[in-house]
Amino acid sequence: MSLSKNKGFLNIVFVGMFFLFGISEGFSQREYDPEMKPPIKDRLYYGGNFAAQFGTITFIDVSPLVGIMLTEKFSGGVGMTYQYFNNKRFPGGDSNLYGGRTFLRYNVFPNIFAHTEYEALNFDLYNNRTEVFERQWVPSLFVGAGYFAPFGNRGGANFTFLYNLLYDNQRSPYNEPYVIRVGFVL
């Protein structure tokens, strides 16, 4: 499958991401004051990760998330992931990975949080018995911690260090059980 066949889908993803981030500044909030009893829309926060590399190897990652402050220190949320990979050195060297995740965070200190996450990703895996690629769902269970670097009244950057308790070096899309993520929250 070529990039031109994915243009329609990628355009929808990019427009959706820009729409999500465009409206999130007005509706998201990272802080939660239980005495003020804010409505749900004021306790929501939006963010995620975006990466792109173009050339002989093309890689695109779009991973938005939405979370809600449940208490002053505890939040949870959901997210999705879409990744496109194409290695032009090999015919048919492209693939699509997609899936979702749910997470919980506890703010241990104002800018330090504990994080746990369940993720399921669907992608092509090589089956040694049949010697063909087959799409499979692969689960991950991450535990770890992160640092939130605020900027402005509502935004910030997350630096998250995770360990995959279900890591399987034969099936995981990750090269190792340790995963480092850098993302933004609006």
C-alpha atoms as a PDB file:
ATOM      1  CA  MET A   1       0.000   0.000   0.000  1.00  0.00           C
ATOM      2  CA  SER A   2       1.446   3.370  -0.923  1.00  0.00           C
ATOM      3  CA  LEU A   3       1.271   6.688   0.874  1.00  0.00           C
ATOM      4  CA  SER A   4      -1.043   8.028  -1.836  1.00  0.00           C
ATOM      5  CA  LYS A   5      -3.620   5.366  -0.927  1.00  0.00           C
ATOM      6  CA  ASN A   6      -3.452   6.543   2.692  1.00  0.00           C
ATOM      7  CA  LYS A   7      -3.742  10.268   1.892  1.00  0.00           C
ATOM      8  CA  GLY A   8      -7.483  10.399   2.523  1.00  0.00           C
ATOM      9  CA  PHE A   9      -7.173   8.690   5.880  1.00  0.00           C
ATOM     10  CA  LEU A  10      -4.116  10.735   6.857  1.00  0.00           C
ATOM     11  CA  ASN A  11      -5.877  13.975   5.906  1.00  0.00           C
ATOM     12  CA  ILE A  12      -8.802  13.034   8.155  1.00  0.00           C
ATOM     13  CA  VAL A  13      -6.413  12.223  11.009  1.00  0.00           C
ATOM     14  CA  PHE A  14      -4.492  15.508  10.610  1.00  0.00           C
ATOM     15  CA  VAL A  15      -7.646  17.630  10.347  1.00  0.00           C
ATOM     16  CA  GLY A  16      -9.057  15.861  13.400  1.00  0.00           C
ATOM     17  CA  MET A  17      -5.865  16.469  15.371  1.00  0.00           C
ATOM     18  CA  PHE A  18      -5.743  20.161  14.492  1.00  0.00           C
ATOM     19  CA  PHE A  19      -9.438  20.515  15.337  1.00  0.00           C
ATOM     20  CA  LEU A  20      -8.911  18.698  18.639  1.00  0.00           C
ATOM     21  CA  PHE A  21      -5.914  20.823  19.609  1.00  0.00           C
ATOM     22  CA  GLY A  22      -7.547  23.997  18.304  1.00  0.00           C
ATOM     23  CA  ILE A  23     -10.614  23.681  20.526  1.00  0.00           C
ATOM     24  CA  SER A  24      -8.840  22.155  23.497  1.00  0.00           C
ATOM     25  CA  GLU A  25      -7.195  25.349  24.676  1.00  0.00           C
ATOM     26  CA  GLY A  26     -10.566  26.851  25.523  1.00  0.00           C
ATOM     27  CA  PHE A  27     -12.022  23.745  27.152  1.00  0.00           C
ATOM     28  CA  SER A  28      -9.184  21.942  28.868  1.00  0.00           C
ATOM     29  CA  GLN A  29      -7.797  22.342  32.329  1.00  0.00           C
ATOM     30  CA  ARG A  30      -5.035  20.482  34.137  1.00  0.00           C
ATOM     31  CA  GLU A  31      -5.785  21.690  37.660  1.00  0.00           C
ATOM     32  CA  TYR A  32      -8.709  20.620  39.789  1.00  0.00           C
ATOM     33  CA  ASP A  33      -9.946  22.455  42.885  1.00  0.00           C
ATOM     34  CA  PRO A  34     -12.593  20.255  44.566  1.00  0.00           C
ATOM     35  CA  GLU A  35     -13.991  23.179  46.582  1.00  0.00           C
ATOM     36  CA  MET A  36     -14.981  25.013  43.397  1.00  0.00           C
ATOM     37  CA  LYS A  37     -16.906  21.949  42.067  1.00  0.00           C
ATOM     38  CA  PRO A  38     -16.004  22.621  38.414  1.00  0.00           C
ATOM     39  CA  PRO A  39     -18.179  21.097  35.687  1.00  0.00           C
ATOM     40  CA  ILE A  40     -16.855  18.132  33.713  1.00  0.00           C
ATOM     41  CA  LYS A  41     -15.836  20.259  30.720  1.00  0.00           C
ATOM     42  CA  ASP A  42     -13.470  22.241  32.966  1.00  0.00           C
ATOM     43  CA  ARG A  43     -11.865  19.059  34.334  1.00  0.00           C
ATOM     44  CA  LEU A  44     -11.077  17.638  30.882  1.00  0.00           C
ATOM     45  CA  TYR A  45      -7.616  17.884  29.389  1.00  0.00           C
ATOM     46  CA  TYR A  46      -6.423  17.014  25.904  1.00  0.00           C
ATOM     47  CA  GLY A  47      -3.045  16.121  24.518  1.00  0.00           C
ATOM     48  CA  GLY A  48      -1.020  13.393  22.949  1.00  0.00           C
ATOM     49  CA  ASN A  49       1.964  12.751  20.749  1.00  0.00           C
ATOM     50  CA  PHE A  50       2.757  13.538  17.136  1.00  0.00           C
ATOM     51  CA  ALA A  51       5.849  12.475  15.206  1.00  0.00           C
ATOM     52  CA  ALA A  52       6.800  12.588  11.540  1.00  0.00           C
ATOM     53  CA  GLN A  53       9.822  11.558   9.513  1.00  0.00           C
ATOM     54  CA  PHE A  54       9.970  11.698   5.718  1.00  0.00           C
ATOM     55  CA  GLY A  55      12.533  10.322   3.282  1.00  0.00           C
ATOM     56  CA  THR A  56      13.676   6.815   2.419  1.00  0.00           C
ATOM     57  CA  ILE A  57      11.970   5.782   5.635  1.00  0.00           C
ATOM     58  CA  THR A  58       8.672   7.510   6.335  1.00  0.00           C
ATOM     59  CA  PHE A  59       7.192   7.350   9.816  1.00  0.00           C
ATOM     60  CA  ILE A  60       4.071   9.150  11.038  1.00  0.00           C
ATOM     61  CA  ASP A  61       2.625   8.810  14.547  1.00  0.00           C
ATOM     62  CA  VAL A  62      -0.611  10.470  15.664  1.00  0.00           C
ATOM     63  CA  SER A  63      -1.648   9.579  19.229  1.00  0.00           C
ATOM     64  CA  PRO A  64      -4.265  11.917  20.746  1.00  0.00           C
ATOM     65  CA  LEU A  65      -5.643  11.489  24.259  1.00  0.00           C
ATOM     66  CA  VAL A  66      -8.329  12.958  26.485  1.00  0.00           C
ATOM     67  CA  GLY A  67      -8.281  12.797  30.270  1.00  0.00           C
ATOM     68  CA  ILE A  68     -10.409  13.981  33.154  1.00  0.00           C
ATOM     69  CA  MET A  69      -9.361  15.093  36.618  1.00  0.00           C
ATOM     70  CA  LEU A  70     -11.369  12.807  38.938  1.00  0.00           C
ATOM     71  CA  THR A  71      -9.962  14.279  42.148  1.00  0.00           C
ATOM     72  CA  GLU A  72      -7.346  16.903  42.924  1.00  0.00           C
ATOM     73  CA  LYS A  73      -4.536  14.369  42.333  1.00  0.00           C
ATOM     74  CA  PHE A  74      -6.105  11.514  40.365  1.00  0.00           C
ATOM     75  CA  SER A  75      -7.039  11.446  36.680  1.00  0.00           C
ATOM     76  CA  GLY A  76      -7.873   8.911  34.010  1.00  0.00           C
ATOM     77  CA  GLY A  77      -8.452   8.898  30.310  1.00  0.00           C
ATOM     78  CA  VAL A  78      -8.389   7.231  26.924  1.00  0.00           C
ATOM     79  CA  GLY A  79      -6.363   7.624  23.779  1.00  0.00           C
ATOM     80  CA  MET A  80      -5.830   6.202  20.344  1.00  0.00           C
ATOM     81  CA  THR A  81      -2.763   5.548  18.218  1.00  0.00           C
ATOM     82  CA  TYR A  82      -2.204   5.486  14.486  1.00  0.00           C
ATOM     83  CA  GLN A  83       1.234   4.922  12.955  1.00  0.00           C
ATOM     84  CA  TYR A  84       2.261   4.667   9.327  1.00  0.00           C
ATOM     85  CA  PHE A  85       5.644   3.230   8.358  1.00  0.00           C
ATOM     86  CA  ASN A  86       7.144   2.943   4.868  1.00  0.00           C
ATOM     87  CA  ASN A  87      10.644   1.792   3.958  1.00  0.00           C
ATOM     88  CA  LYS A  88      11.095   2.673   0.271  1.00  0.00           C
ATOM     89  CA  ARG A  89      14.085   0.325  -0.039  1.00  0.00           C
ATOM     90  CA  PHE A  90      11.718  -2.667  -0.010  1.00  0.00           C
ATOM     91  CA  PRO A  91       8.668  -3.210  -2.254  1.00  0.00           C
ATOM     92  CA  GLY A  92       5.623  -3.515  -0.015  1.00  0.00           C
ATOM     93  CA  GLY A  93       7.654  -2.188   2.919  1.00  0.00           C
ATOM     94  CA  ASP A  94       4.822  -0.157   4.368  1.00  0.00           C
ATOM     95  CA  SER A  95       2.468  -0.881   7.228  1.00  0.00           C
ATOM     96  CA  ASN A  96      -0.217   0.659   9.405  1.00  0.00           C
ATOM     97  CA  LEU A  97      -0.488   0.224  13.151  1.00  0.00           C
ATOM     98  CA  TYR A  98      -3.543   1.316  15.130  1.00  0.00           C
ATOM     99  CA  GLY A  99      -5.083   0.806  18.522  1.00  0.00           C
ATOM    100  CA  GLY A 100      -6.205   2.353  21.755  1.00  0.00           C
ATOM    101  CA  ARG A 101      -5.274   2.805  25.368  1.00  0.00           C
ATOM    102  CA  THR A 102      -6.718   3.696  28.732  1.00  0.00           C
ATOM    103  CA  PHE A 103      -4.656   5.235  31.511  1.00  0.00           C
ATOM    104  CA  LEU A 104      -4.674   6.347  35.141  1.00  0.00           C
ATOM    105  CA  ARG A 105      -2.430   9.013  36.678  1.00  0.00           C
ATOM    106  CA  TYR A 106      -1.807  10.031  40.247  1.00  0.00           C
ATOM    107  CA  ASN A 107      -0.017  13.311  40.973  1.00  0.00           C
ATOM    108  CA  VAL A 108       2.485  12.372  43.691  1.00  0.00           C
ATOM    109  CA  PHE A 109       3.905  15.913  43.758  1.00  0.00           C
ATOM    110  CA  PRO A 110       2.719  18.979  41.820  1.00  0.00           C
ATOM    111  CA  ASN A 111       4.771  18.100  38.702  1.00  0.00           C
ATOM    112  CA  ILE A 112       5.547  14.394  39.284  1.00  0.00           C
ATOM    113  CA  PHE A 113       2.973  11.703  38.499  1.00  0.00           C
ATOM    114  CA  ALA A 114       2.670   7.918  38.680  1.00  0.00           C
ATOM    115  CA  HIS A 115       1.201   6.410  35.514  1.00  0.00           C
ATOM    116  CA  THR A 116      -0.369   3.084  34.566  1.00  0.00           C
ATOM    117  CA  GLU A 117      -1.759   2.250  31.147  1.00  0.00           C
ATOM    118  CA  TYR A 118      -3.288  -0.619  29.209  1.00  0.00           C
ATOM    119  CA  GLU A 119      -2.717  -0.470  25.456  1.00  0.00           C
ATOM    120  CA  ALA A 120      -3.764  -2.779  22.615  1.00  0.00           C
ATOM    121  CA  LEU A 121      -2.198  -2.309  19.170  1.00  0.00           C
ATOM    122  CA  ASN A 122      -3.092  -4.029  15.896  1.00  0.00           C
ATOM    123  CA  PHE A 123      -0.364  -4.536  13.303  1.00  0.00           C
ATOM    124  CA  ASP A 124       1.233  -7.063  10.938  1.00  0.00           C
ATOM    125  CA  LEU A 125       3.252  -9.762  12.692  1.00  0.00           C
ATOM    126  CA  TYR A 126       5.295 -12.411  10.938  1.00  0.00           C
ATOM    127  CA  ASN A 127       4.045 -15.936  11.653  1.00  0.00           C
ATOM    128  CA  ASN A 128       7.008 -18.346  11.621  1.00  0.00           C
ATOM    129  CA  ARG A 129       4.771 -21.393  11.123  1.00  0.00           C
ATOM    130  CA  THR A 130       2.868 -20.107   8.075  1.00  0.00           C
ATOM    131  CA  GLU A 131       5.673 -17.768   6.908  1.00  0.00           C
ATOM    132  CA  VAL A 132       3.253 -14.918   6.208  1.00  0.00           C
ATOM    133  CA  PHE A 133       2.392 -11.641   7.904  1.00  0.00           C
ATOM    134  CA  GLU A 134      -0.873 -11.649   9.864  1.00  0.00           C
ATOM    135  CA  ARG A 135      -2.630  -8.785  11.636  1.00  0.00           C
ATOM    136  CA  GLN A 136      -2.783  -9.352  15.375  1.00  0.00           C
ATOM    137  CA  TRP A 137      -3.765  -7.429  18.492  1.00  0.00           C
ATOM    138  CA  VAL A 138      -0.871  -7.158  20.947  1.00  0.00           C
ATOM    139  CA  PRO A 139      -1.511  -5.967  24.524  1.00  0.00           C
ATOM    140  CA  SER A 140       0.822  -3.889  26.701  1.00  0.00           C
ATOM    141  CA  LEU A 141       0.534  -3.032  30.383  1.00  0.00           C
ATOM    142  CA  PHE A 142       2.708  -0.056  31.298  1.00  0.00           C
ATOM    143  CA  VAL A 143       3.681   1.229  34.731  1.00  0.00           C
ATOM    144  CA  GLY A 144       5.917   4.185  35.360  1.00  0.00           C
ATOM    145  CA  ALA A 145       6.199   7.827  36.230  1.00  0.00           C
ATOM    146  CA  GLY A 146       6.426  11.164  34.555  1.00  0.00           C
ATOM    147  CA  TYR A 147       7.180  14.831  34.861  1.00  0.00           C
ATOM    148  CA  PHE A 148       4.760  17.589  33.834  1.00  0.00           C
ATOM    149  CA  ALA A 149       6.435  20.852  32.762  1.00  0.00           C
ATOM    150  CA  PRO A 150       3.723  23.536  32.704  1.00  0.00           C
ATOM    151  CA  PHE A 151       3.663  26.462  30.314  1.00  0.00           C
ATOM    152  CA  GLY A 152       0.914  29.057  30.349  1.00  0.00           C
ATOM    153  CA  ASN A 153      -2.261  28.664  32.394  1.00  0.00           C
ATOM    154  CA  ARG A 154      -3.400  25.339  30.947  1.00  0.00           C
ATOM    155  CA  GLY A 155      -0.709  23.753  28.810  1.00  0.00           C
ATOM    156  CA  GLY A 156       2.427  21.802  29.389  1.00  0.00           C
ATOM    157  CA  ALA A 157       4.692  19.002  28.291  1.00  0.00           C
ATOM    158  CA  ASN A 158       4.700  15.469  29.704  1.00  0.00           C
ATOM    159  CA  PHE A 159       7.860  13.401  29.936  1.00  0.00           C
ATOM    160  CA  THR A 160       6.797   9.852  30.773  1.00  0.00           C
ATOM    161  CA  PHE A 161       9.046   6.860  31.512  1.00  0.00           C
ATOM    162  CA  LEU A 162       7.219   3.523  31.300  1.00  0.00           C
ATOM    163  CA  TYR A 163       7.943  -0.184  31.658  1.00  0.00           C
ATOM    164  CA  ASN A 164       5.849  -2.760  29.759  1.00  0.00           C
ATOM    165  CA  LEU A 165       4.976  -5.627  32.118  1.00  0.00           C
ATOM    166  CA  LEU A 166       3.619  -7.702  29.189  1.00  0.00           C
ATOM    167  CA  TYR A 167       6.651  -7.169  26.942  1.00  0.00           C
ATOM    168  CA  ASP A 168       7.225  -9.997  24.453  1.00  0.00           C
ATOM    169  CA  ASN A 169      10.288  -9.511  22.248  1.00  0.00           C
ATOM    170  CA  GLN A 170       8.701 -11.685  19.524  1.00  0.00           C
ATOM    171  CA  ARG A 171       5.413  -9.766  19.301  1.00  0.00           C
ATOM    172  CA  SER A 172       5.850  -6.283  20.746  1.00  0.00           C
ATOM    173  CA  PRO A 173       5.948  -3.250  18.445  1.00  0.00           C
ATOM    174  CA  TYR A 174       8.448  -1.740  20.903  1.00  0.00           C
ATOM    175  CA  ASN A 175      12.159  -2.580  20.676  1.00  0.00           C
ATOM    176  CA  GLU A 176      12.471  -3.017  24.440  1.00  0.00           C
ATOM    177  CA  PRO A 177      10.238  -3.043  27.528  1.00  0.00           C
ATOM    178  CA  TYR A 178      11.214   0.541  28.428  1.00  0.00           C
ATOM    179  CA  VAL A 179       9.280   3.277  26.648  1.00  0.00           C
ATOM    180  CA  ILE A 180       9.947   7.009  26.889  1.00  0.00           C
ATOM    181  CA  ARG A 181       7.236   9.381  25.705  1.00  0.00           C
ATOM    182  CA  VAL A 182       7.210  13.130  25.274  1.00  0.00           C
ATOM    183  CA  GLY A 183       3.802  14.683  24.723  1.00  0.00           C
ATOM    184  CA  PHE A 184       1.827  17.863  25.142  1.00  0.00           C
ATOM    185  CA  VAL A 185      -1.265  18.715  27.140  1.00  0.00           C
ATOM    186  CA  LEU A 186      -3.527  21.643  26.366  1.00  0.00           C
END
